C-alpha atoms as a PDB file:
ATOM      1  CA  MET A   1      -2.174 -13.883 -25.108  1.00  0.00           C
ATOM      2  CA  ARG A   2      -1.364 -10.258 -25.739  1.00  0.00           C
ATOM      3  CA  ILE A   3      -1.185  -7.611 -23.063  1.00  0.00           C
ATOM      4  CA  GLY A   4      -4.596  -6.167 -23.964  1.00  0.00           C
ATOM      5  CA  ARG A   5      -6.302  -9.516 -23.415  1.00  0.00           C
ATOM      6  CA  LEU A   6      -4.485 -10.033 -20.093  1.00  0.00           C
ATOM      7  CA  SER A   7      -5.623  -6.559 -19.102  1.00  0.00           C
ATOM      8  CA  GLU A   8      -9.243  -7.411 -19.972  1.00  0.00           C
ATOM      9  CA  LEU A   9      -9.186 -10.674 -18.031  1.00  0.00           C
ATOM     10  CA  THR A  10      -7.613  -9.199 -14.912  1.00  0.00           C
ATOM     11  CA  GLY A  11      -8.878  -5.620 -14.859  1.00  0.00           C
ATOM     12  CA  VAL A  12      -5.280  -4.415 -14.595  1.00  0.00           C
ATOM     13  CA  SER A  13      -4.151  -1.721 -17.017  1.00  0.00           C
ATOM     14  CA  PRO A  14      -1.496  -2.557 -19.621  1.00  0.00           C
ATOM     15  CA  ARG A  15       0.722   0.071 -18.031  1.00  0.00           C
ATOM     16  CA  LEU A  16       0.584  -1.739 -14.672  1.00  0.00           C
ATOM     17  CA  LEU A  17       1.183  -5.082 -16.381  1.00  0.00           C
ATOM     18  CA  ARG A  18       4.349  -3.665 -17.954  1.00  0.00           C
ATOM     19  CA  TYR A  19       5.366  -2.379 -14.511  1.00  0.00           C
ATOM     20  CA  TYR A  20       4.804  -5.828 -12.980  1.00  0.00           C
ATOM     21  CA  GLU A  21       6.994  -7.286 -15.696  1.00  0.00           C
ATOM     22  CA  GLU A  22       9.658  -4.643 -15.110  1.00  0.00           C
ATOM     23  CA  GLN A  23       9.614  -5.541 -11.403  1.00  0.00           C
ATOM     24  CA  GLY A  24      10.012  -9.259 -12.199  1.00  0.00           C
ATOM     25  CA  LEU A  25       6.558 -10.174 -10.901  1.00  0.00           C
ATOM     26  CA  ILE A  26       5.336 -11.593 -14.226  1.00  0.00           C
ATOM     27  CA  ILE A  27       7.097 -12.673 -17.392  1.00  0.00           C
ATOM     28  CA  SER A  28       6.223 -12.669 -21.053  1.00  0.00           C
ATOM     29  CA  GLU A  29       7.697 -13.997 -24.227  1.00  0.00           C
ATOM     30  CA  ARG A  30       8.318 -11.646 -27.128  1.00  0.00           C
ATOM     31  CA  CYS A  31       6.767 -12.318 -30.504  1.00  0.00           C
ATOM     32  CA  ALA A  32       8.702 -11.656 -33.715  1.00  0.00           C
ATOM     33  CA  ASN A  33       6.911  -8.306 -34.009  1.00  0.00           C
ATOM     34  CA  GLY A  34       7.988  -7.337 -30.454  1.00  0.00           C
ATOM     35  CA  TYR A  35       4.560  -7.798 -28.857  1.00  0.00           C
ATOM     36  CA  ARG A  36       4.417  -9.339 -25.419  1.00  0.00           C
ATOM     37  CA  ASP A  37       2.873 -12.817 -25.217  1.00  0.00           C
ATOM     38  CA  TYR A  38       1.643 -14.059 -21.842  1.00  0.00           C
ATOM     39  CA  ASP A  39       0.615 -17.621 -21.041  1.00  0.00           C
ATOM     40  CA  GLU A  40      -2.694 -18.543 -19.410  1.00  0.00           C
ATOM     41  CA  ARG A  41      -1.087 -18.850 -15.957  1.00  0.00           C
ATOM     42  CA  SER A  42      -0.399 -15.114 -16.063  1.00  0.00           C
ATOM     43  CA  VAL A  43      -4.068 -14.417 -15.352  1.00  0.00           C
ATOM     44  CA  ASP A  44      -3.905 -16.172 -11.967  1.00  0.00           C
ATOM     45  CA  ARG A  45      -0.512 -14.647 -11.224  1.00  0.00           C
ATOM     46  CA  VAL A  46      -1.733 -11.103 -11.906  1.00  0.00           C
ATOM     47  CA  LEU A  47      -4.845 -11.673  -9.775  1.00  0.00           C
ATOM     48  CA  GLN A  48      -2.615 -13.012  -7.022  1.00  0.00           C
ATOM     49  CA  ILE A  49      -0.367  -9.945  -7.274  1.00  0.00           C
ATOM     50  CA  ARG A  50      -3.408  -7.639  -7.138  1.00  0.00           C
ATOM     51  CA  GLY A  51      -4.688  -9.425  -4.057  1.00  0.00           C
ATOM     52  CA  LEU A  52      -1.338  -9.082  -2.311  1.00  0.00           C
ATOM     53  CA  LEU A  53      -1.072  -5.410  -3.273  1.00  0.00           C
ATOM     54  CA  ASP A  54      -4.635  -4.782  -2.097  1.00  0.00           C
ATOM     55  CA  ALA A  55      -3.698  -6.422   1.205  1.00  0.00           C
ATOM     56  CA  GLY A  56      -0.984  -3.797   1.565  1.00  0.00           C
ATOM     57  CA  LEU A  57       2.131  -5.769   0.671  1.00  0.00           C
ATOM     58  CA  PRO A  58       4.757  -3.799  -1.253  1.00  0.00           C
ATOM     59  CA  THR A  59       6.072  -5.191  -4.541  1.00  0.00           C
ATOM     60  CA  ARG A  60       9.495  -5.916  -3.022  1.00  0.00           C
ATOM     61  CA  ILE A  61       7.899  -8.377  -0.591  1.00  0.00           C
ATOM     62  CA  ILE A  62       5.557  -9.771  -3.231  1.00  0.00           C
ATOM     63  CA  LYS A  63       8.580 -10.489  -5.398  1.00  0.00           C
ATOM     64  CA  GLN A  64      10.123 -12.461  -2.522  1.00  0.00           C
ATOM     65  CA  ILE A  65       7.078 -14.600  -1.812  1.00  0.00           C
ATOM     66  CA  LEU A  66       5.811 -15.205  -5.360  1.00  0.00           C
ATOM     67  CA  PRO A  67       8.260 -18.054  -5.929  1.00  0.00           C
ATOM     68  CA  CYS A  68       6.765 -19.727  -2.850  1.00  0.00           C
ATOM     69  CA  LEU A  69       3.255 -19.556  -4.264  1.00  0.00           C
ATOM     70  CA  ASP A  70       2.935 -22.100  -7.042  1.00  0.00           C
ATOM     71  CA  LYS A  71      -0.873 -21.916  -7.113  1.00  0.00           C
ATOM     72  CA  PRO A  72      -3.373 -19.661  -5.414  1.00  0.00           C
ATOM     73  CA  ARG A  73      -3.588 -20.688  -1.732  1.00  0.00           C
ATOM     74  CA  ARG A  74      -0.828 -23.310  -1.983  1.00  0.00           C
ATOM     75  CA  ILE A  75       2.534 -22.447  -0.488  1.00  0.00           C
ATOM     76  CA  VAL A  76       5.817 -24.207  -1.107  1.00  0.00           C
ATOM     77  CA  PHE A  77       7.844 -24.027   2.112  1.00  0.00           C
ATOM     78  CA  SER A  78      11.295 -24.916   0.797  1.00  0.00           C
ATOM     79  CA  ASP A  79      12.116 -21.305  -0.169  1.00  0.00           C
ATOM     80  CA  ALA A  80      11.034 -19.642   3.093  1.00  0.00           C
ATOM     81  CA  THR A  81      14.058 -17.995   4.723  1.00  0.00           C
ATOM     82  CA  PRO A  82      14.076 -16.728   8.324  1.00  0.00           C
ATOM     83  CA  GLU A  83      14.216 -13.162   6.959  1.00  0.00           C
ATOM     84  CA  MET A  84      11.185 -13.757   4.757  1.00  0.00           C
ATOM     85  CA  ILE A  85       9.270 -15.274   7.664  1.00  0.00           C
ATOM     86  CA  ALA A  86      10.101 -12.296   9.883  1.00  0.00           C
ATOM     87  CA  THR A  87       9.052  -9.876   7.140  1.00  0.00           C
ATOM     88  CA  LEU A  88       5.787 -11.704   6.576  1.00  0.00           C
ATOM     89  CA  GLU A  89       5.067 -11.824  10.314  1.00  0.00           C
ATOM     90  CA  GLY A  90       5.522  -8.046  10.438  1.00  0.00           C
ATOM     91  CA  GLU A  91       3.253  -7.591   7.430  1.00  0.00           C
ATOM     92  CA  LEU A  92       0.654  -9.896   8.975  1.00  0.00           C
ATOM     93  CA  GLN A  93       0.632  -7.835  12.161  1.00  0.00           C
ATOM     94  CA  ARG A  94       0.356  -4.605  10.163  1.00  0.00           C
ATOM     95  CA  MET A  95      -2.552  -6.016   8.128  1.00  0.00           C
ATOM     96  CA  SER A  96      -4.298  -7.204  11.298  1.00  0.00           C
ATOM     97  CA  ARG A  97      -4.070  -3.694  12.753  1.00  0.00           C
ATOM     98  CA  ARG A  98      -5.465  -2.273   9.502  1.00  0.00           C
ATOM     99  CA  ILE A  99      -8.324  -4.776   9.518  1.00  0.00           C
ATOM    100  CA  GLU A 100      -9.179  -3.868  13.119  1.00  0.00           C
ATOM    101  CA  CYS A 101      -9.187  -0.172  12.241  1.00  0.00           C
ATOM    102  CA  LEU A 102     -11.336  -0.763   9.155  1.00  0.00           C
ATOM    103  CA  ALA A 103     -13.756  -2.893  11.172  1.00  0.00           C
ATOM    104  CA  ARG A 104     -14.110  -0.128  13.802  1.00  0.00           C
ATOM    105  CA  ASN A 105     -14.726   2.453  11.072  1.00  0.00           C
ATOM    106  CA  ARG A 106     -17.232   0.168   9.323  1.00  0.00           C
ATOM    107  CA  ASP A 107     -19.105  -0.390  12.581  1.00  0.00           C
ATOM    108  CA  ALA A 108     -19.165   3.338  13.354  1.00  0.00           C
ATOM    109  CA  ILE A 109     -20.537   4.154   9.892  1.00  0.00           C
ATOM    110  CA  ALA A 110     -23.135   1.391  10.162  1.00  0.00           C
ATOM    111  CA  GLU A 111     -24.232   2.705  13.572  1.00  0.00           C
ATOM    112  CA  TYR A 112     -24.422   6.260  12.236  1.00  0.00           C
ATOM    113  CA  LEU A 113     -26.514   5.140   9.243  1.00  0.00           C
ATOM    114  CA  GLU A 114     -28.813   3.155  11.516  1.00  0.00           C
ATOM    115  CA  GLU A 115     -29.407   6.196  13.717  1.00  0.00           C
ATOM    116  CA  VAL A 116     -29.974   8.498  10.753  1.00  0.00           C
ATOM    117  CA  ARG A 117     -32.459   6.064   9.207  1.00  0.00           C
ATOM    118  CA  ALA A 118     -34.230   5.538  12.542  1.00  0.00           C
ATOM    119  CA  ALA A 119     -34.579   9.293  13.024  1.00  0.00           C
ATOM    120  CA  GLY A 120     -36.651   9.411   9.841  1.00  0.00           C
ATOM    121  CA  SER A 121     -36.981  12.087   7.253  1.00  0.00           C
ATOM    122  CA  ASP A 122     -38.915  15.321   7.069  1.00  0.00           C
ATOM    123  CA  PRO A 123     -41.527  15.781   4.331  1.00  0.00           C
ATOM    124  CA  GLU A 124     -38.874  17.216   2.007  1.00  0.00           C
ATOM    125  CA  GLY A 125     -36.845  14.015   2.276  1.00  0.00           C
ATOM    126  CA  GLN A 126     -33.982  15.345   4.388  1.00  0.00           C
ATOM    127  CA  PRO A 127     -32.992  13.457   7.535  1.00  0.00           C
ATOM    128  CA  ASP A 128     -33.734  15.334  10.783  1.00  0.00           C
ATOM    129  CA  ALA A 129     -30.034  15.836  11.502  1.00  0.00           C
ATOM    130  CA  ILE A 130     -29.520  17.582   8.177  1.00  0.00           C
ATOM    131  CA  ARG A 131     -32.660  19.713   8.639  1.00  0.00           C
ATOM    132  CA  VAL A 132     -31.507  20.788  12.140  1.00  0.00           C
ATOM    133  CA  HIS A 133     -28.011  21.604  10.890  1.00  0.00           C
ATOM    134  CA  ALA A 134     -29.388  23.614   7.977  1.00  0.00           C
ATOM    135  CA  ALA A 135     -31.751  25.537  10.304  1.00  0.00           C
ATOM    136  CA  SER A 136     -28.897  26.536  12.620  1.00  0.00           C
ATOM    137  CA  ARG A 137     -27.015  28.402   9.902  1.00  0.00           C
END
């Protein structure tokens, strides 16, 4: 499949797909006309890369662990070096701290919204807190 189709299927821009290829995260064959040709497995690989990037892993670490991931959610252990394990443990701890922070922020926003909604609205549709703030100006 061409780069445009891979982009459509994954939601990743062609520019990023070329970057992933440049970084050695995905591979393509070249057609006679010079166009990139990706196989069907590239869709899963790109989605996997996106998931790892969204989790906060840098491409240098993703490049190290991609060979260990032969399918989504299946890990091949033969390539895991002590350095890779230590790096991944550090990344796991960092992600856990991020998740805890995000959960605290989510809970605080949810609590704030609950209080604002419970306070009700004035006849003009503005929450009481906004009306009070506007009146104090």
